[in-house]
Structures are given as C-alpha cells and as structure tokens.
Amino acid sequence: MALGIIKQEFEPTATIPVKKGDVVYAYSDGITDVINSNEEEFGQERLEQKISELLSTHSEIDFLSNTVDSFRGEMTLFDDVTLVELLIW
C-alpha cells in the first residue's frame, strides 16, 4: 500500500507477522510533526501513547484524528497528515 507516491524503489527492511484480530497503524510523519500554538510537536511518544489509549478503550480511529486536531488548535498544517488503520481478519 502506497502512502506516498515516490518514484523510487524500496527494499523491505523487516517482516512483521500478523494474525487475525491484530490492528496495524500506518502514518505519515506529518502527524508527529504537527505543531501547537506553543510550538510543541505532537511527537512519536505522544502518538504511541494515544494509540495505546485508543486500543485500551476500543475507540474508533477518529479518536486519533480528533486528538491531533485538538492538539493543533488553530495552527496551520504544513505537511500531509495521513493515518491508516488495518484490521486483520
């Protein structure tokens, strides 16, 4: 699945086994790079924390996009913000 179209080939660096019932999240760096009015980045650590919250509360993926939007406030996005949830059936 292409999240960004780049005219360049990539070699896989790792294989992650998945099984029925697993959930996989893919995202662009635009999510971790989102900045709020205090010029703080959303960051990798906060994203991982929010994904853990999402999974523990059985929330919908909208929880993450709403969290990022709330964090950003009125600040303008300067990069794409892409988030994909894959449910393994």
PDB file of N, CA and C in Angstrom:
ATOM      1  N   MET A   1       0.848  -1.163   0.000  1.00  0.00           N
ATOM      2  CA  MET A   1       0.000   0.000   0.000  1.00  0.00           C
ATOM      3  C   MET A   1       0.896   1.228   0.000  1.00  0.00           C
ATOM      4  N   ALA A   2       0.699   2.092  -0.940  1.00  0.00           N
ATOM      5  CA  ALA A   2       1.499   3.312  -1.025  1.00  0.00           C
ATOM      6  C   ALA A   2       0.820   4.422  -0.235  1.00  0.00           C
ATOM      7  N   LEU A   3       1.538   4.978   0.737  1.00  0.00           N
ATOM      8  CA  LEU A   3       1.028   6.127   1.477  1.00  0.00           C
ATOM      9  C   LEU A   3       1.505   7.412   0.836  1.00  0.00           C
ATOM     10  N   GLY A   4       2.595   7.356   0.170  1.00  0.00           N
ATOM     11  CA  GLY A   4       3.133   8.497  -0.571  1.00  0.00           C
ATOM     12  C   GLY A   4       3.722   7.956  -1.849  1.00  0.00           C
ATOM     13  N   ILE A   5       3.489   8.620  -2.926  1.00  0.00           N
ATOM     14  CA  ILE A   5       3.974   8.122  -4.210  1.00  0.00           C
ATOM     15  C   ILE A   5       5.312   8.802  -4.514  1.00  0.00           C
ATOM     16  N   ILE A   6       6.356   7.997  -4.519  1.00  0.00           N
ATOM     17  CA  ILE A   6       7.699   8.477  -4.795  1.00  0.00           C
ATOM     18  C   ILE A   6       8.279   7.586  -5.881  1.00  0.00           C
ATOM     19  N   LYS A   7       8.893   8.194  -6.864  1.00  0.00           N
ATOM     20  CA  LYS A   7       9.491   7.409  -7.944  1.00  0.00           C
ATOM     21  C   LYS A   7      10.844   6.870  -7.481  1.00  0.00           C
ATOM     22  N   GLN A   8      10.750   5.888  -6.600  1.00  0.00           N
ATOM     23  CA  GLN A   8      11.945   5.273  -6.028  1.00  0.00           C
ATOM     24  C   GLN A   8      11.542   3.915  -5.483  1.00  0.00           C
ATOM     25  N   GLU A   9      12.403   2.938  -5.650  1.00  0.00           N
ATOM     26  CA  GLU A   9      12.112   1.612  -5.128  1.00  0.00           C
ATOM     27  C   GLU A   9      12.715   1.456  -3.745  1.00  0.00           C
ATOM     28  N   PHE A  10      11.999   0.736  -2.895  1.00  0.00           N
ATOM     29  CA  PHE A  10      12.464   0.487  -1.535  1.00  0.00           C
ATOM     30  C   PHE A  10      12.528  -1.010  -1.300  1.00  0.00           C
ATOM     31  N   GLU A  11      13.540  -1.427  -0.609  1.00  0.00           N
ATOM     32  CA  GLU A  11      13.661  -2.820  -0.210  1.00  0.00           C
ATOM     33  C   GLU A  11      13.069  -2.966   1.186  1.00  0.00           C
ATOM     34  N   PRO A  12      12.252  -3.991   1.410  1.00  0.00           N
ATOM     35  CA  PRO A  12      11.727  -4.216   2.762  1.00  0.00           C
ATOM     36  C   PRO A  12      12.876  -4.431   3.746  1.00  0.00           C
ATOM     37  N   THR A  13      12.762  -3.841   4.925  1.00  0.00           N
ATOM     38  CA  THR A  13      13.816  -3.986   5.930  1.00  0.00           C
ATOM     39  C   THR A  13      13.418  -4.942   7.039  1.00  0.00           C
ATOM     40  N   ALA A  14      12.107  -5.226   7.131  1.00  0.00           N
ATOM     41  CA  ALA A  14      11.643  -6.131   8.188  1.00  0.00           C
ATOM     42  C   ALA A  14      10.303  -6.719   7.779  1.00  0.00           C
ATOM     43  N   THR A  15      10.035  -7.874   8.309  1.00  0.00           N
ATOM     44  CA  THR A  15       8.735  -8.513   8.122  1.00  0.00           C
ATOM     45  C   THR A  15       8.112  -8.658   9.500  1.00  0.00           C
ATOM     46  N   ILE A  16       6.875  -8.218   9.625  1.00  0.00           N
ATOM     47  CA  ILE A  16       6.179  -8.304  10.901  1.00  0.00           C
ATOM     48  C   ILE A  16       4.999  -9.256  10.728  1.00  0.00           C
ATOM     49  N   PRO A  17       5.029 -10.387  11.418  1.00  0.00           N
ATOM     50  CA  PRO A  17       3.913 -11.323  11.293  1.00  0.00           C
ATOM     51  C   PRO A  17       2.650 -10.751  11.947  1.00  0.00           C
ATOM     52  N   VAL A  18       1.524 -10.941  11.297  1.00  0.00           N
ATOM     53  CA  VAL A  18       0.248 -10.512  11.859  1.00  0.00           C
ATOM     54  C   VAL A  18      -0.699 -11.702  11.855  1.00  0.00           C
ATOM     55  N   LYS A  19      -1.673 -11.634  12.751  1.00  0.00           N
ATOM     56  CA  LYS A  19      -2.655 -12.711  12.823  1.00  0.00           C
ATOM     57  C   LYS A  19      -4.045 -12.103  12.951  1.00  0.00           C
ATOM     58  N   LYS A  20      -5.028 -12.927  12.759  1.00  0.00           N
ATOM     59  CA  LYS A  20      -6.414 -12.490  12.851  1.00  0.00           C
ATOM     60  C   LYS A  20      -6.638 -11.752  14.184  1.00  0.00           C
ATOM     61  N   GLY A  21      -7.265 -10.595  14.094  1.00  0.00           N
ATOM     62  CA  GLY A  21      -7.549  -9.806  15.278  1.00  0.00           C
ATOM     63  C   GLY A  21      -6.538  -8.699  15.544  1.00  0.00           C
ATOM     64  N   ASP A  22      -5.386  -8.748  14.855  1.00  0.00           N
ATOM     65  CA  ASP A  22      -4.379  -7.694  15.021  1.00  0.00           C
ATOM     66  C   ASP A  22      -4.843  -6.405  14.344  1.00  0.00           C
ATOM     67  N   VAL A  23      -4.305  -5.297  14.817  1.00  0.00           N
ATOM     68  CA  VAL A  23      -4.555  -3.989  14.219  1.00  0.00           C
ATOM     69  C   VAL A  23      -3.202  -3.370  13.911  1.00  0.00           C
ATOM     70  N   VAL A  24      -3.049  -2.845  12.700  1.00  0.00           N
ATOM     71  CA  VAL A  24      -1.808  -2.213  12.273  1.00  0.00           C
ATOM     72  C   VAL A  24      -2.120  -0.764  11.913  1.00  0.00           C
ATOM     73  N   TYR A  25      -1.298   0.165  12.426  1.00  0.00           N
ATOM     74  CA  TYR A  25      -1.457   1.581  12.098  1.00  0.00           C
ATOM     75  C   TYR A  25      -0.268   2.031  11.266  1.00  0.00           C
ATOM     76  N   ALA A  26      -0.547   2.719  10.180  1.00  0.00           N
ATOM     77  CA  ALA A  26       0.488   3.334   9.347  1.00  0.00           C
ATOM     78  C   ALA A  26       0.181   4.823   9.301  1.00  0.00           C
ATOM     79  N   TYR A  27       1.230   5.631   9.355  1.00  0.00           N
ATOM     80  CA  TYR A  27       1.004   7.072   9.383  1.00  0.00           C
ATOM     81  C   TYR A  27       2.170   7.797   8.727  1.00  0.00           C
ATOM     82  N   SER A  28       1.886   8.991   8.283  1.00  0.00           N
ATOM     83  CA  SER A  28       2.942   9.831   7.713  1.00  0.00           C
ATOM     84  C   SER A  28       3.596  10.637   8.826  1.00  0.00           C
ATOM     85  N   ASP A  29       4.783  11.139   8.547  1.00  0.00           N
ATOM     86  CA  ASP A  29       5.479  11.946   9.551  1.00  0.00           C
ATOM     87  C   ASP A  29       4.771  13.271   9.811  1.00  0.00           C
ATOM     88  N   GLY A  30       3.797  13.602   8.981  1.00  0.00           N
ATOM     89  CA  GLY A  30       3.019  14.821   9.213  1.00  0.00           C
ATOM     90  C   GLY A  30       2.282  14.788  10.535  1.00  0.00           C
ATOM     91  N   ILE A  31       1.920  13.608  11.023  1.00  0.00           N
ATOM     92  CA  ILE A  31       1.221  13.506  12.309  1.00  0.00           C
ATOM     93  C   ILE A  31       2.169  13.849  13.456  1.00  0.00           C
ATOM     94  N   THR A  32       3.335  13.257  13.468  1.00  0.00           N
ATOM     95  CA  THR A  32       4.275  13.526  14.560  1.00  0.00           C
ATOM     96  C   THR A  32       4.853  14.937  14.474  1.00  0.00           C
ATOM     97  N   ASP A  33       4.821  15.540  13.288  1.00  0.00           N
ATOM     98  CA  ASP A  33       5.356  16.889  13.087  1.00  0.00           C
ATOM     99  C   ASP A  33       4.338  18.002  13.347  1.00  0.00           C
ATOM    100  N   VAL A  34       3.078  17.664  13.615  1.00  0.00           N
ATOM    101  CA  VAL A  34       2.066  18.685  13.890  1.00  0.00           C
ATOM    102  C   VAL A  34       2.518  19.540  15.071  1.00  0.00           C
ATOM    103  N   ILE A  35       2.368  20.847  14.938  1.00  0.00           N
ATOM    104  CA  ILE A  35       2.812  21.784  15.972  1.00  0.00           C
ATOM    105  C   ILE A  35       1.601  22.522  16.540  1.00  0.00           C
ATOM    106  N   ASN A  36       1.630  22.733  17.867  1.00  0.00           N
ATOM    107  CA  ASN A  36       0.556  23.504  18.512  1.00  0.00           C
ATOM    108  C   ASN A  36       0.995  24.965  18.677  1.00  0.00           C
ATOM    109  N   SER A  37       0.162  25.767  19.305  1.00  0.00           N
ATOM    110  CA  SER A  37       0.445  27.201  19.442  1.00  0.00           C
ATOM    111  C   SER A  37       1.650  27.491  20.342  1.00  0.00           C
ATOM    112  N   ASN A  38       2.082  26.519  21.117  1.00  0.00           N
ATOM    113  CA  ASN A  38       3.290  26.664  21.944  1.00  0.00           C
ATOM    114  C   ASN A  38       4.543  26.176  21.217  1.00  0.00           C
ATOM    115  N   GLU A  39       4.369  25.874  19.914  1.00  0.00           N
ATOM    116  CA  GLU A  39       5.437  25.359  19.058  1.00  0.00           C
ATOM    117  C   GLU A  39       5.985  24.019  19.535  1.00  0.00           C
ATOM    118  N   GLU A  40       5.122  23.230  20.180  1.00  0.00           N
ATOM    119  CA  GLU A  40       5.471  21.866  20.582  1.00  0.00           C
ATOM    120  C   GLU A  40       5.019  20.907  19.485  1.00  0.00           C
ATOM    121  N   GLU A  41       5.847  19.907  19.182  1.00  0.00           N
ATOM    122  CA  GLU A  41       5.453  18.881  18.226  1.00  0.00           C
ATOM    123  C   GLU A  41       4.571  17.840  18.905  1.00  0.00           C
ATOM    124  N   PHE A  42       3.656  17.275  18.114  1.00  0.00           N
ATOM    125  CA  PHE A  42       2.839  16.182  18.628  1.00  0.00           C
ATOM    126  C   PHE A  42       3.751  15.036  19.036  1.00  0.00           C
ATOM    127  N   GLY A  43       4.671  14.665  18.183  1.00  0.00           N
ATOM    128  CA  GLY A  43       5.746  13.732  18.521  1.00  0.00           C
ATOM    129  C   GLY A  43       5.376  12.261  18.523  1.00  0.00           C
ATOM    130  N   GLN A  44       6.407  11.446  18.421  1.00  0.00           N
ATOM    131  CA  GLN A  44       6.270   9.986  18.380  1.00  0.00           C
ATOM    132  C   GLN A  44       5.746   9.433  19.706  1.00  0.00           C
ATOM    133  N   GLU A  45       6.292   9.920  20.801  1.00  0.00           N
ATOM    134  CA  GLU A  45       5.893   9.401  22.115  1.00  0.00           C
ATOM    135  C   GLU A  45       4.402   9.647  22.383  1.00  0.00           C
ATOM    136  N   ARG A  46       3.926  10.851  22.064  1.00  0.00           N
ATOM    137  CA  ARG A  46       2.514  11.179  22.275  1.00  0.00           C
ATOM    138  C   ARG A  46       1.626  10.320  21.359  1.00  0.00           C
ATOM    139  N   LEU A  47       2.073  10.118  20.110  1.00  0.00           N
ATOM    140  CA  LEU A  47       1.310   9.285  19.185  1.00  0.00           C
ATOM    141  C   LEU A  47       1.187   7.860  19.716  1.00  0.00           C
ATOM    142  N   GLU A  48       2.287   7.293  20.182  1.00  0.00           N
ATOM    143  CA  GLU A  48       2.256   5.935  20.732  1.00  0.00           C
ATOM    144  C   GLU A  48       1.337   5.862  21.947  1.00  0.00           C
ATOM    145  N   GLN A  49       1.380   6.886  22.795  1.00  0.00           N
ATOM    146  CA  GLN A  49       0.507   6.928  23.972  1.00  0.00           C
ATOM    147  C   GLN A  49      -0.963   6.963  23.546  1.00  0.00           C
ATOM    148  N   LYS A  50      -1.281   7.768  22.545  1.00  0.00           N
ATOM    149  CA  LYS A  50      -2.666   7.900  22.095  1.00  0.00           C
ATOM    150  C   LYS A  50      -3.146   6.628  21.390  1.00  0.00           C
ATOM    151  N   ILE A  51      -2.258   5.954  20.676  1.00  0.00           N
ATOM    152  CA  ILE A  51      -2.637   4.672  20.064  1.00  0.00           C
ATOM    153  C   ILE A  51      -2.926   3.650  21.162  1.00  0.00           C
ATOM    154  N   SER A  52      -2.123   3.636  22.225  1.00  0.00           N
ATOM    155  CA  SER A  52      -2.379   2.736  23.360  1.00  0.00           C
ATOM    156  C   SER A  52      -3.737   3.034  23.989  1.00  0.00           C
ATOM    157  N   GLU A  53      -4.046   4.323  24.156  1.00  0.00           N
ATOM    158  CA  GLU A  53      -5.359   4.711  24.693  1.00  0.00           C
ATOM    159  C   GLU A  53      -6.481   4.239  23.783  1.00  0.00           C
ATOM    160  N   LEU A  54      -6.298   4.440  22.489  1.00  0.00           N
ATOM    161  CA  LEU A  54      -7.305   4.016  21.512  1.00  0.00           C
ATOM    162  C   LEU A  54      -7.580   2.522  21.641  1.00  0.00           C
ATOM    163  N   LEU A  55      -6.515   1.736  21.718  1.00  0.00           N
ATOM    164  CA  LEU A  55      -6.667   0.281  21.796  1.00  0.00           C
ATOM    165  C   LEU A  55      -7.275  -0.158  23.121  1.00  0.00           C
ATOM    166  N   SER A  56      -6.881   0.470  24.221  1.00  0.00           N
ATOM    167  CA  SER A  56      -7.384   0.049  25.536  1.00  0.00           C
ATOM    168  C   SER A  56      -8.847   0.428  25.752  1.00  0.00           C
ATOM    169  N   THR A  57      -9.295   1.466  25.060  1.00  0.00           N
ATOM    170  CA  THR A  57     -10.695   1.895  25.220  1.00  0.00           C
ATOM    171  C   THR A  57     -11.574   1.423  24.071  1.00  0.00           C
ATOM    172  N   HIS A  58     -10.986   0.694  23.125  1.00  0.00           N
ATOM    173  CA  HIS A  58     -11.709   0.200  21.951  1.00  0.00           C
ATOM    174  C   HIS A  58     -12.377   1.342  21.189  1.00  0.00           C
ATOM    175  N   SER A  59     -11.679   2.465  21.116  1.00  0.00           N
ATOM    176  CA  SER A  59     -12.189   3.639  20.412  1.00  0.00           C
ATOM    177  C   SER A  59     -12.021   3.476  18.907  1.00  0.00           C
ATOM    178  N   GLU A  60     -12.688   4.353  18.173  1.00  0.00           N
ATOM    179  CA  GLU A  60     -12.558   4.392  16.717  1.00  0.00           C
ATOM    180  C   GLU A  60     -11.313   5.198  16.346  1.00  0.00           C
ATOM    181  N   ILE A  61     -10.843   5.033  15.115  1.00  0.00           N
ATOM    182  CA  ILE A  61      -9.664   5.756  14.646  1.00  0.00           C
ATOM    183  C   ILE A  61      -9.885   7.264  14.678  1.00  0.00           C
ATOM    184  N   ASP A  62     -11.138   7.709  14.633  1.00  0.00           N
ATOM    185  CA  ASP A  62     -11.445   9.143  14.739  1.00  0.00           C
ATOM    186  C   ASP A  62     -10.880   9.739  16.019  1.00  0.00           C
ATOM    187  N   PHE A  63     -10.740   8.909  17.054  1.00  0.00           N
ATOM    188  CA  PHE A  63     -10.144   9.362  18.313  1.00  0.00           C
ATOM    189  C   PHE A  63      -8.768   9.978  18.057  1.00  0.00           C
ATOM    190  N   LEU A  64      -7.958   9.317  17.209  1.00  0.00           N
ATOM    191  CA  LEU A  64      -6.619   9.827  16.920  1.00  0.00           C
ATOM    192  C   LEU A  64      -6.663  11.119  16.120  1.00  0.00           C
ATOM    193  N   SER A  65      -7.483  11.163  15.080  1.00  0.00           N
ATOM    194  CA  SER A  65      -7.533  12.381  14.271  1.00  0.00           C
ATOM    195  C   SER A  65      -8.090  13.545  15.085  1.00  0.00           C
ATOM    196  N   ASN A  66      -9.071  13.284  15.949  1.00  0.00           N
ATOM    197  CA  ASN A  66      -9.614  14.339  16.805  1.00  0.00           C
ATOM    198  C   ASN A  66      -8.571  14.814  17.815  1.00  0.00           C
ATOM    199  N   THR A  67      -7.763  13.890  18.338  1.00  0.00           N
ATOM    200  CA  THR A  67      -6.710  14.240  19.282  1.00  0.00           C
ATOM    201  C   THR A  67      -5.662  15.134  18.625  1.00  0.00           C
ATOM    202  N   VAL A  68      -5.268  14.792  17.400  1.00  0.00           N
ATOM    203  CA  VAL A  68      -4.284  15.596  16.671  1.00  0.00           C
ATOM    204  C   VAL A  68      -4.867  16.973  16.367  1.00  0.00           C
ATOM    205  N   ASP A  69      -6.115  17.022  15.913  1.00  0.00           N
ATOM    206  CA  ASP A  69      -6.767  18.306  15.628  1.00  0.00           C
ATOM    207  C   ASP A  69      -6.867  19.170  16.874  1.00  0.00           C
ATOM    208  N   SER A  70      -7.225  18.571  17.985  1.00  0.00           N
ATOM    209  CA  SER A  70      -7.337  19.307  19.241  1.00  0.00           C
ATOM    210  C   SER A  70      -5.973  19.843  19.676  1.00  0.00           C
ATOM    211  N   PHE A  71      -4.943  19.039  19.544  1.00  0.00           N
ATOM    212  CA  PHE A  71      -3.585  19.448  19.892  1.00  0.00           C
ATOM    213  C   PHE A  71      -3.147  20.631  19.022  1.00  0.00           C
ATOM    214  N   ARG A  72      -3.435  20.558  17.741  1.00  0.00           N
ATOM    215  CA  ARG A  72      -3.023  21.577  16.771  1.00  0.00           C
ATOM    216  C   ARG A  72      -3.738  22.891  16.992  1.00  0.00           C
ATOM    217  N   GLY A  73      -4.996  22.823  17.412  1.00  0.00           N
ATOM    218  CA  GLY A  73      -5.772  24.044  17.595  1.00  0.00           C
ATOM    219  C   GLY A  73      -5.943  24.779  16.281  1.00  0.00           C
ATOM    220  N   GLU A  74      -5.613  26.049  16.266  1.00  0.00           N
ATOM    221  CA  GLU A  74      -5.762  26.886  15.074  1.00  0.00           C
ATOM    222  C   GLU A  74      -4.514  26.935  14.198  1.00  0.00           C
ATOM    223  N   MET A  75      -3.484  26.189  14.582  1.00  0.00           N
ATOM    224  CA  MET A  75      -2.237  26.210  13.813  1.00  0.00           C
ATOM    225  C   MET A  75      -2.461  25.565  12.439  1.00  0.00           C
ATOM    226  N   THR A  76      -1.786  26.081  11.446  1.00  0.00           N
ATOM    227  CA  THR A  76      -1.892  25.590  10.075  1.00  0.00           C
ATOM    228  C   THR A  76      -1.044  24.333   9.908  1.00  0.00           C
ATOM    229  N   LEU A  77      -1.588  23.373   9.179  1.00  0.00           N
ATOM    230  CA  LEU A  77      -0.806  22.176   8.844  1.00  0.00           C
ATOM    231  C   LEU A  77       0.204  22.547   7.766  1.00  0.00           C
ATOM    232  N   PHE A  78       1.429  22.055   7.890  1.00  0.00           N
ATOM    233  CA  PHE A  78       2.454  22.335   6.888  1.00  0.00           C
ATOM    234  C   PHE A  78       2.896  21.075   6.161  1.00  0.00           C
ATOM    235  N   ASP A  79       2.255  19.953   6.471  1.00  0.00           N
ATOM    236  CA  ASP A  79       2.592  18.680   5.834  1.00  0.00           C
ATOM    237  C   ASP A  79       1.312  17.850   5.765  1.00  0.00           C
ATOM    238  N   ASP A  80       1.354  16.802   4.943  1.00  0.00           N
ATOM    239  CA  ASP A  80       0.185  15.923   4.909  1.00  0.00           C
ATOM    240  C   ASP A  80       0.065  15.201   6.244  1.00  0.00           C
ATOM    241  N   VAL A  81      -1.150  14.893   6.625  1.00  0.00           N
ATOM    242  CA  VAL A  81      -1.413  14.133   7.844  1.00  0.00           C
ATOM    243  C   VAL A  81      -2.205  12.905   7.413  1.00  0.00           C
ATOM    244  N   THR A  82      -1.519  11.776   7.356  1.00  0.00           N
ATOM    245  CA  THR A  82      -2.119  10.547   6.867  1.00  0.00           C
ATOM    246  C   THR A  82      -2.081   9.489   7.957  1.00  0.00           C
ATOM    247  N   LEU A  83      -3.220   8.841   8.176  1.00  0.00           N
ATOM    248  CA  LEU A  83      -3.325   7.781   9.172  1.00  0.00           C
ATOM    249  C   LEU A  83      -4.197   6.680   8.595  1.00  0.00           C
ATOM    250  N   VAL A  84      -3.670   5.456   8.619  1.00  0.00           N
ATOM    251  CA  VAL A  84      -4.384   4.300   8.080  1.00  0.00           C
ATOM    252  C   VAL A  84      -4.474   3.244   9.174  1.00  0.00           C
ATOM    253  N   GLU A  85      -5.656   2.677   9.345  1.00  0.00           N
ATOM    254  CA  GLU A  85      -5.866   1.591  10.297  1.00  0.00           C
ATOM    255  C   GLU A  85      -6.187   0.323   9.505  1.00  0.00           C
ATOM    256  N   LEU A  86      -5.410  -0.720   9.733  1.00  0.00           N
ATOM    257  CA  LEU A  86      -5.630  -2.004   9.076  1.00  0.00           C
ATOM    258  C   LEU A  86      -6.089  -3.013  10.121  1.00  0.00           C
ATOM    259  N   LEU A  87      -7.271  -3.551   9.931  1.00  0.00           N
ATOM    260  CA  LEU A  87      -7.805  -4.577  10.822  1.00  0.00           C
ATOM    261  C   LEU A  87      -7.580  -5.922  10.147  1.00  0.00           C
ATOM    262  N   ILE A  88      -6.876  -6.815  10.801  1.00  0.00           N
ATOM    263  CA  ILE A  88      -6.556  -8.123  10.214  1.00  0.00           C
ATOM    264  C   ILE A  88      -7.691  -9.097  10.538  1.00  0.00           C
ATOM    265  N   TRP A  89      -8.325  -9.588   9.480  1.00  0.00           N
ATOM    266  CA  TRP A  89      -9.465 -10.517   9.641  1.00  0.00           C
ATOM    267  C   TRP A  89      -9.073 -11.885   9.208  1.00  0.00           C
TER     268      TRP A  89
END
